[in-house]
Amino acid sequence: MKIVHIITGLSTGGAERALYNLLQGGLHTEFDCYVVSLRTKGTIGPQIQALGVPVIALGIPSRRTLVGVINLRHFIKALQPDVIQGWMYHGNLAATLTSNFVSNIPAVLAWNIRHSLYDLGYEKLMTRQVIRANRFFSNTPDVILYNSHLSRKQHEAFGFIAHNGQVIPNGIDVQQFSFSSTSRQRIRIELGIPPDALVFGHVARLHSMKDHPLFLGAAANVALRHSDVYFLLSGRDVSPENPSIAQLIPEKVRNRFHLLGERSDVEELMSTMDVFCLSSRGEGFPNVLGEAMAVGVPCLATDVGDSAAIVGDTGVIVPPNNEEAFIAGIEHFLTMSSEERNLLGTMARARIAANYTLGIIVNQYAGLYEKLVGKKRSSSSCAA
């Protein structure tokens, strides 16, 4: 069975990593997979190629997505895939238009929406138009996959067709994301963090939806009152050289804030943390939350997307956009003993292993593809 994954781009991000995880987790050995990036190969493309999966980058500017349909058409027609799988809004639109332009190929058309939809006002103008186009064509795909129940609810309330919707959450590689005492010790020595200090971590690219000001405001408040608490942040553009971030940290406590920028060793950074924090004002299924839990780190998260369902009783959930509540959440962990925090971390890893292990999610995708392709072939035979 041939599957073509059409994704907006392959820079570091949740959707891009989710695609890589599925392929690496067994999808690329189960099926004959190909990946098409509308933009560039980014940071994830070479990783996918290392698996032996062909990656084609069309290099299309964001405002000219439709132009790529012409190039895609020739590729799809030559390949004759069984499944055309779109990823993210631009990828879904390109997959749909390509599928409609290619005749005599009874391919399954699947969408993958990896985004919450709290308010269109949060999105760029062009993205708003593409979301509306997705809504218009939402009766076209055989299935619309969402990675969170809230995302499905929000999109269907916005007008996306409901009958073909289905939720498959993100899968977490519990082998890669596991606690390492060696990494914990090494990174703490590198950063000058005392071995017995309490470290609160945050991993997210700099974006308004991730709400770094909320986290840093709460962290600064706590740091000014507790001299043994440290904060570790990683993510694209989250660095001391970025004035929009640096100005949020009081000079008096700046030496206890480590802004590391984008890193490829996130699982090792998470081993350094005692508590992982998610301060977002909007999410679908936040990968980093599941990854931190898999490492055995208890979490403090805002009640967005499926965060509450993921964390369950293994961490603390607070309202979004509420700095006082976030401060209270941090303080709650400060009142706990290390044994109590460790117990929550153990429970968190067990919860991920039971519900979100990568192998479970890969099997769900494989089963869905086989079912839809079988149905499509049966329909084609009957029509003939």
Protein backbone atom coordinates (compact mmCIF):
# COMPACT_ATOMS: atom_id res chain seq x y z
CA MET A 1 0.00 0.00 0.00
CA LYS A 2 1.39 3.41 -1.00
CA ILE A 3 0.77 6.42 1.22
CA VAL A 4 1.70 10.00 0.34
CA HIS A 5 1.86 12.44 3.26
CA ILE A 6 1.47 16.06 2.16
CA ILE A 7 2.47 18.49 4.89
CA THR A 8 2.77 22.27 4.98
CA GLY A 9 6.45 22.24 6.01
CA LEU A 10 9.02 20.26 7.96
CA SER A 11 10.52 22.76 10.39
CA THR A 12 10.55 21.83 14.07
CA GLY A 13 6.97 21.71 15.34
CA GLY A 14 4.34 19.47 16.86
CA ALA A 15 2.73 18.27 13.61
CA GLU A 16 6.07 17.71 11.92
CA ARG A 17 7.38 15.70 14.85
CA ALA A 18 4.13 13.73 15.02
CA LEU A 19 4.56 12.70 11.37
CA TYR A 20 8.18 11.70 12.00
CA ASN A 21 7.19 9.73 15.10
CA LEU A 22 4.53 7.77 13.21
CA LEU A 23 6.93 6.90 10.41
CA GLN A 24 9.75 6.02 12.79
CA GLY A 25 7.33 4.09 15.02
CA GLY A 26 6.58 1.57 12.28
CA LEU A 27 4.34 3.19 9.69
CA HIS A 28 7.16 3.36 7.14
CA THR A 29 7.83 -0.38 7.45
CA GLU A 30 4.14 -1.28 7.37
CA PHE A 31 3.49 0.73 4.19
CA ASP A 32 5.33 2.29 1.25
CA CYS A 33 5.45 5.91 2.45
CA TYR A 34 6.39 9.19 0.76
CA VAL A 35 6.46 12.70 2.23
CA VAL A 36 5.85 15.92 0.31
CA SER A 37 6.60 19.25 1.99
CA LEU A 38 4.99 22.30 0.43
CA ARG A 39 7.82 24.44 1.85
CA THR A 40 11.31 23.06 2.58
CA LYS A 41 12.80 19.96 4.18
CA GLY A 42 13.49 22.01 7.31
CA THR A 43 14.92 20.20 10.32
CA ILE A 44 12.60 17.18 10.25
CA GLY A 45 12.97 16.30 6.55
CA PRO A 46 16.51 14.90 6.87
CA GLN A 47 15.40 12.83 9.86
CA ILE A 48 12.57 11.33 7.81
CA GLN A 49 14.96 10.65 4.92
CA ALA A 50 17.28 8.84 7.32
CA LEU A 51 14.45 6.34 7.84
CA GLY A 52 14.55 5.56 4.13
CA VAL A 53 11.39 7.54 3.36
CA PRO A 54 11.61 9.74 0.23
CA VAL A 55 11.03 13.44 0.98
CA ILE A 56 10.13 15.93 -1.74
CA ALA A 57 10.27 19.65 -0.91
CA LEU A 58 8.38 21.91 -3.32
CA GLY A 59 9.69 25.18 -1.86
CA ILE A 60 6.38 27.00 -2.37
CA PRO A 61 5.99 30.42 -0.70
CA SER A 62 3.13 30.48 1.80
CA ARG A 63 1.03 32.76 -0.41
CA ARG A 64 1.30 30.46 -3.43
CA THR A 65 0.14 27.11 -2.07
CA LEU A 66 -2.13 26.51 -5.06
CA VAL A 67 0.82 26.71 -7.45
CA GLY A 68 2.22 23.54 -5.94
CA VAL A 69 -0.87 21.59 -6.91
CA ILE A 70 0.35 21.48 -10.51
CA ASN A 71 3.66 19.91 -9.49
CA LEU A 72 1.93 17.59 -7.06
CA ARG A 73 -0.46 16.41 -9.74
CA HIS A 74 2.32 14.93 -11.88
CA PHE A 75 3.93 13.25 -8.87
CA ILE A 76 0.67 11.75 -7.61
CA LYS A 77 -0.38 10.55 -11.06
CA ALA A 78 2.97 8.78 -11.56
CA LEU A 79 2.97 7.23 -8.09
CA GLN A 80 -0.66 6.02 -8.04
CA PRO A 81 -0.97 6.05 -4.20
CA ASP A 82 -3.64 4.23 -2.22
CA VAL A 83 -3.84 7.01 0.40
CA ILE A 84 -3.26 10.74 0.10
CA GLN A 85 -2.82 12.06 3.66
CA GLY A 86 -2.86 15.81 4.22
CA TRP A 87 -1.25 17.35 7.31
CA MET A 88 -2.27 20.78 8.65
CA TYR A 89 -4.52 23.24 6.86
CA HIS A 90 -2.32 24.03 3.84
CA GLY A 91 -1.38 20.37 3.43
CA ASN A 92 -5.04 19.33 3.63
CA LEU A 93 -6.00 21.87 0.97
CA ALA A 94 -3.17 20.81 -1.34
CA ALA A 95 -4.04 17.14 -0.85
CA THR A 96 -7.69 17.82 -1.67
CA LEU A 97 -7.04 19.86 -4.78
CA THR A 98 -4.44 17.36 -5.99
CA SER A 99 -6.81 14.46 -5.41
CA ASN A 100 -9.59 16.20 -7.32
CA PHE A 101 -7.30 17.05 -10.25
CA VAL A 102 -6.02 13.48 -10.67
CA SER A 103 -8.49 11.17 -12.36
CA ASN A 104 -8.69 7.38 -12.41
CA ILE A 105 -6.94 7.03 -9.02
CA PRO A 106 -9.36 5.71 -6.38
CA ALA A 107 -7.13 6.94 -3.57
CA VAL A 108 -8.37 7.45 -0.04
CA LEU A 109 -8.21 11.13 0.93
CA ALA A 110 -7.44 11.78 4.59
CA TRP A 111 -6.93 15.02 6.46
CA ASN A 112 -4.95 15.53 9.65
CA ILE A 113 -5.82 18.61 11.71
CA ARG A 114 -3.24 19.29 14.44
CA HIS A 115 -4.57 22.61 15.63
CA SER A 116 -7.04 24.02 18.10
CA LEU A 117 -9.49 26.62 16.86
CA TYR A 118 -10.29 28.94 19.74
CA ASP A 119 -10.50 32.11 17.67
CA LEU A 120 -9.66 32.87 14.03
CA GLY A 121 -8.29 36.20 15.26
CA TYR A 122 -5.23 34.35 16.58
CA GLU A 123 -4.32 33.29 13.02
CA LYS A 124 -2.58 35.11 10.19
CA LEU A 125 -4.83 36.49 7.44
CA MET A 126 -3.78 33.88 4.86
CA THR A 127 -4.18 31.05 7.38
CA ARG A 128 -7.74 32.24 8.10
CA GLN A 129 -8.57 31.95 4.42
CA VAL A 130 -7.08 28.46 4.21
CA ILE A 131 -9.07 27.37 7.28
CA ARG A 132 -12.24 28.63 5.61
CA ALA A 133 -11.28 26.71 2.46
CA ASN A 134 -10.80 23.59 4.60
CA ARG A 135 -14.30 24.10 5.98
CA PHE A 136 -15.72 24.41 2.44
CA PHE A 137 -14.06 21.16 1.31
CA SER A 138 -14.56 19.26 4.59
CA ASN A 139 -17.12 16.89 3.03
CA THR A 140 -14.47 15.73 0.52
CA PRO A 141 -12.03 13.61 2.59
CA ASP A 142 -12.90 10.06 3.57
CA VAL A 143 -11.76 10.90 7.10
CA ILE A 144 -10.75 14.00 9.04
CA LEU A 145 -8.32 13.08 11.78
CA TYR A 146 -7.94 15.27 14.85
CA ASN A 147 -5.32 14.81 17.54
CA SER A 148 -7.63 16.01 20.33
CA HIS A 149 -11.32 15.82 21.17
CA LEU A 150 -11.46 19.56 21.79
CA SER A 151 -10.01 20.29 18.36
CA ARG A 152 -12.69 18.15 16.73
CA LYS A 153 -15.42 19.86 18.74
CA GLN A 154 -14.13 23.32 17.86
CA HIS A 155 -13.79 22.64 14.14
CA GLU A 156 -17.19 21.03 13.84
CA ALA A 157 -18.72 23.98 15.68
CA PHE A 158 -17.02 26.19 13.09
CA GLY A 159 -18.74 24.28 10.29
CA PHE A 160 -16.48 21.32 9.44
CA ILE A 161 -18.47 18.23 8.43
CA ALA A 162 -18.95 15.94 11.43
CA HIS A 163 -19.73 12.52 9.95
CA ASN A 164 -16.17 11.84 8.77
CA GLY A 165 -14.37 13.10 11.90
CA GLN A 166 -12.24 10.85 14.09
CA VAL A 167 -9.79 11.42 16.95
CA ILE A 168 -6.41 9.67 17.10
CA PRO A 169 -4.14 11.24 19.73
CA ASN A 170 -0.40 11.73 19.39
CA GLY A 171 1.87 8.82 20.15
CA ILE A 172 4.79 9.13 22.57
CA ASP A 173 8.01 7.16 22.14
CA VAL A 174 8.51 5.95 25.71
CA GLN A 175 11.89 4.48 24.81
CA GLN A 176 13.28 7.82 23.68
CA PHE A 177 11.51 9.79 26.38
CA SER A 178 12.63 8.17 29.60
CA PHE A 179 14.46 9.45 32.64
CA SER A 180 18.26 9.63 32.57
CA SER A 181 20.10 10.38 35.80
CA THR A 182 23.29 10.86 33.76
CA SER A 183 21.69 13.59 31.63
CA ARG A 184 20.21 15.22 34.72
CA GLN A 185 23.57 15.43 36.44
CA ARG A 186 25.51 16.50 33.33
CA ILE A 187 23.16 19.31 32.29
CA ARG A 188 22.85 20.66 35.82
CA ILE A 189 26.64 20.84 36.04
CA GLU A 190 26.83 22.54 32.62
CA LEU A 191 24.26 25.16 33.62
CA GLY A 192 25.49 25.64 37.17
CA ILE A 193 22.27 24.40 38.77
CA PRO A 194 22.77 22.88 42.24
CA PRO A 195 21.89 19.16 42.40
CA ASP A 196 19.25 19.72 45.09
CA ALA A 197 17.63 22.80 43.49
CA LEU A 198 14.05 22.59 42.22
CA VAL A 199 13.85 23.14 38.45
CA PHE A 200 10.67 24.15 36.61
CA GLY A 201 10.89 23.63 32.86
CA HIS A 202 9.15 25.00 29.79
CA VAL A 203 9.60 23.83 26.18
CA ALA A 204 7.88 25.77 23.39
CA ARG A 205 8.71 27.94 20.39
CA LEU A 206 8.09 31.62 20.92
CA HIS A 207 4.48 32.17 19.82
CA SER A 208 1.57 34.06 21.33
CA MET A 209 -0.41 30.84 21.80
CA LYS A 210 2.35 29.42 24.02
CA ASP A 211 2.03 32.44 26.35
CA HIS A 212 5.62 32.80 27.51
CA PRO A 213 4.72 36.06 29.32
CA LEU A 214 2.34 34.11 31.57
CA PHE A 215 4.98 31.55 32.49
CA LEU A 216 7.78 34.07 32.96
CA GLY A 217 5.56 36.42 34.97
CA ALA A 218 4.61 33.63 37.35
CA ALA A 219 8.18 32.29 37.45
CA ALA A 220 9.64 35.72 38.25
CA ASN A 221 7.14 36.16 41.07
CA VAL A 222 8.17 32.83 42.58
CA ALA A 223 11.89 33.36 41.98
CA LEU A 224 11.87 36.66 43.88
CA ARG A 225 10.47 34.85 46.93
CA HIS A 226 12.30 31.50 46.71
CA SER A 227 16.05 31.57 46.22
CA ASP A 228 16.44 27.82 45.58
CA VAL A 229 14.14 27.59 42.52
CA TYR A 230 15.49 27.59 38.96
CA PHE A 231 13.77 27.85 35.58
CA LEU A 232 14.85 26.20 32.34
CA LEU A 233 13.31 27.22 29.00
CA SER A 234 13.93 25.84 25.52
CA GLY A 235 12.36 26.64 22.16
CA ARG A 236 12.90 28.53 18.94
CA ASP A 237 13.70 32.22 19.65
CA VAL A 238 13.67 31.64 23.42
CA SER A 239 17.14 32.99 24.14
CA PRO A 240 18.82 35.74 26.20
CA GLU A 241 19.48 37.63 22.95
CA ASN A 242 15.77 38.04 22.36
CA PRO A 243 14.74 41.29 24.15
CA SER A 244 11.03 40.37 24.16
CA ILE A 245 11.92 37.45 26.44
CA ALA A 246 14.83 38.88 28.41
CA GLN A 247 12.89 41.96 29.52
CA LEU A 248 10.34 39.76 31.29
CA ILE A 249 12.93 38.48 33.76
CA PRO A 250 13.97 40.74 36.66
CA GLU A 251 17.70 41.44 36.73
CA LYS A 252 17.88 40.32 40.35
CA VAL A 253 16.96 36.69 39.51
CA ARG A 254 18.17 36.45 35.91
CA ASN A 255 21.01 34.10 36.85
CA ARG A 256 18.40 31.44 37.76
CA PHE A 257 16.67 31.55 34.39
CA HIS A 258 18.29 29.47 31.65
CA LEU A 259 17.06 30.36 28.14
CA LEU A 260 18.51 27.71 25.85
CA GLY A 261 16.87 28.38 22.51
CA GLU A 262 15.95 25.51 20.19
CA ARG A 263 17.49 22.20 21.27
CA SER A 264 17.51 18.69 19.82
CA ASP A 265 18.04 17.00 23.22
CA VAL A 266 14.62 17.78 24.71
CA GLU A 267 14.35 14.40 26.44
CA GLU A 268 17.64 15.08 28.23
CA LEU A 269 16.51 18.56 29.26
CA MET A 270 13.32 17.06 30.67
CA SER A 271 15.38 14.70 32.85
CA THR A 272 16.88 17.86 34.37
CA MET A 273 13.45 19.19 35.39
CA ASP A 274 11.48 18.48 38.55
CA VAL A 275 8.25 19.94 37.18
CA PHE A 276 7.26 20.59 33.57
CA CYS A 277 5.08 23.62 32.81
CA LEU A 278 2.71 24.25 29.91
CA SER A 279 1.39 27.82 29.90
CA SER A 280 -0.43 27.83 26.54
CA ARG A 281 -3.65 29.68 25.88
CA GLY A 282 -4.56 27.16 23.18
CA GLU A 283 -3.48 23.62 22.22
CA GLY A 284 -4.79 20.45 20.62
CA PHE A 285 -2.72 17.56 21.95
CA PRO A 286 0.50 19.10 23.28
CA ASN A 287 3.33 16.68 22.48
CA VAL A 288 5.65 18.15 25.08
CA LEU A 289 3.18 17.39 27.86
CA GLY A 290 3.09 13.70 27.00
CA GLU A 291 6.86 13.62 26.51
CA ALA A 292 7.56 15.17 29.91
CA MET A 293 5.19 12.72 31.55
CA ALA A 294 6.92 9.83 29.78
CA VAL A 295 10.23 11.02 31.27
CA GLY A 296 8.55 10.83 34.67
CA VAL A 297 8.17 14.56 35.26
CA PRO A 298 4.94 15.76 36.92
CA CYS A 299 3.25 18.59 35.05
CA LEU A 300 1.59 21.94 35.67
CA ALA A 301 -0.55 22.80 32.65
CA THR A 302 -3.22 25.24 31.60
CA ASP A 303 -6.61 23.73 30.86
CA VAL A 304 -6.39 23.90 27.06
CA GLY A 305 -6.90 21.26 24.39
CA ASP A 306 -6.83 17.78 25.86
CA SER A 307 -4.29 18.69 28.57
CA ALA A 308 -6.57 17.80 31.48
CA ALA A 309 -7.39 14.40 29.96
CA ILE A 310 -3.71 13.67 29.31
CA VAL A 311 -2.50 14.68 32.79
CA GLY A 312 -5.38 13.17 34.74
CA ASP A 313 -4.54 12.94 38.43
CA THR A 314 -0.76 12.97 37.90
CA GLY A 315 -0.30 16.76 37.91
CA VAL A 316 -1.96 20.13 38.31
CA ILE A 317 -4.31 21.85 35.85
CA VAL A 318 -5.03 25.60 36.07
CA PRO A 319 -7.08 28.02 33.95
CA PRO A 320 -5.32 29.68 30.98
CA ASN A 321 -4.55 33.42 30.96
CA ASN A 322 -4.45 33.49 34.75
CA GLU A 323 -1.07 34.33 36.26
CA GLU A 324 -2.27 34.08 39.86
CA ALA A 325 -3.53 30.56 39.24
CA PHE A 326 -0.25 29.61 37.60
CA ILE A 327 1.70 30.99 40.56
CA ALA A 328 -0.51 28.95 42.87
CA GLY A 329 0.23 25.87 40.77
CA ILE A 330 3.98 26.39 41.10
CA GLU A 331 3.59 27.01 44.84
CA HIS A 332 1.65 23.76 45.15
CA PHE A 333 4.64 21.80 43.87
CA LEU A 334 6.96 23.74 46.20
CA THR A 335 4.98 22.51 49.19
CA MET A 336 5.37 18.88 48.15
CA SER A 337 8.19 16.61 49.26
CA SER A 338 10.54 15.14 46.66
CA GLU A 339 8.96 11.75 47.35
CA GLU A 340 5.51 13.10 46.54
CA ARG A 341 6.71 14.71 43.32
CA ASN A 342 8.53 11.52 42.31
CA LEU A 343 5.37 9.49 42.90
CA LEU A 344 3.41 11.81 40.63
CA GLY A 345 6.14 11.44 38.00
CA THR A 346 5.94 7.64 38.21
CA MET A 347 2.17 7.81 37.82
CA ALA A 348 2.55 10.18 34.86
CA ARG A 349 4.85 7.82 32.96
CA ALA A 350 2.53 4.89 33.64
CA ARG A 351 -0.41 6.91 32.29
CA ILE A 352 1.41 7.66 29.03
CA ALA A 353 2.56 4.04 28.66
CA ALA A 354 -1.00 2.78 29.11
CA ASN A 355 -2.78 5.24 26.82
CA TYR A 356 -0.43 7.05 24.42
CA THR A 357 2.45 4.72 23.59
CA LEU A 358 3.61 5.27 20.01
CA GLY A 359 3.00 1.65 19.01
CA ILE A 360 -0.67 1.90 20.00
CA ILE A 361 -1.15 5.02 17.87
CA VAL A 362 0.72 3.59 14.86
CA ASN A 363 -1.60 0.57 14.96
CA GLN A 364 -4.63 2.87 14.96
CA TYR A 365 -3.38 4.66 11.85
CA ALA A 366 -2.50 1.39 10.10
CA GLY A 367 -5.87 -0.14 10.91
CA LEU A 368 -7.70 2.95 9.67
CA TYR A 369 -5.77 3.08 6.37
CA GLU A 370 -6.40 -0.63 5.70
CA LYS A 371 -10.10 -0.26 6.45
CA LEU A 372 -10.55 2.81 4.23
CA VAL A 373 -8.52 1.41 1.33
CA GLY A 374 -10.44 -1.86 1.48
CA LYS A 375 -13.72 0.05 1.43
CA LYS A 376 -12.56 2.21 -1.48
CA ARG A 377 -11.42 -0.80 -3.52
CA SER A 378 -14.68 -2.59 -2.84
CA SER A 379 -16.67 0.45 -3.99
CA SER A 380 -14.54 0.73 -7.15
CA SER A 381 -15.08 -2.96 -7.97
CA CYS A 382 -18.83 -2.62 -7.54
CA ALA A 383 -18.90 0.49 -9.75
CA ALA A 384 -16.95 -1.33 -12.44
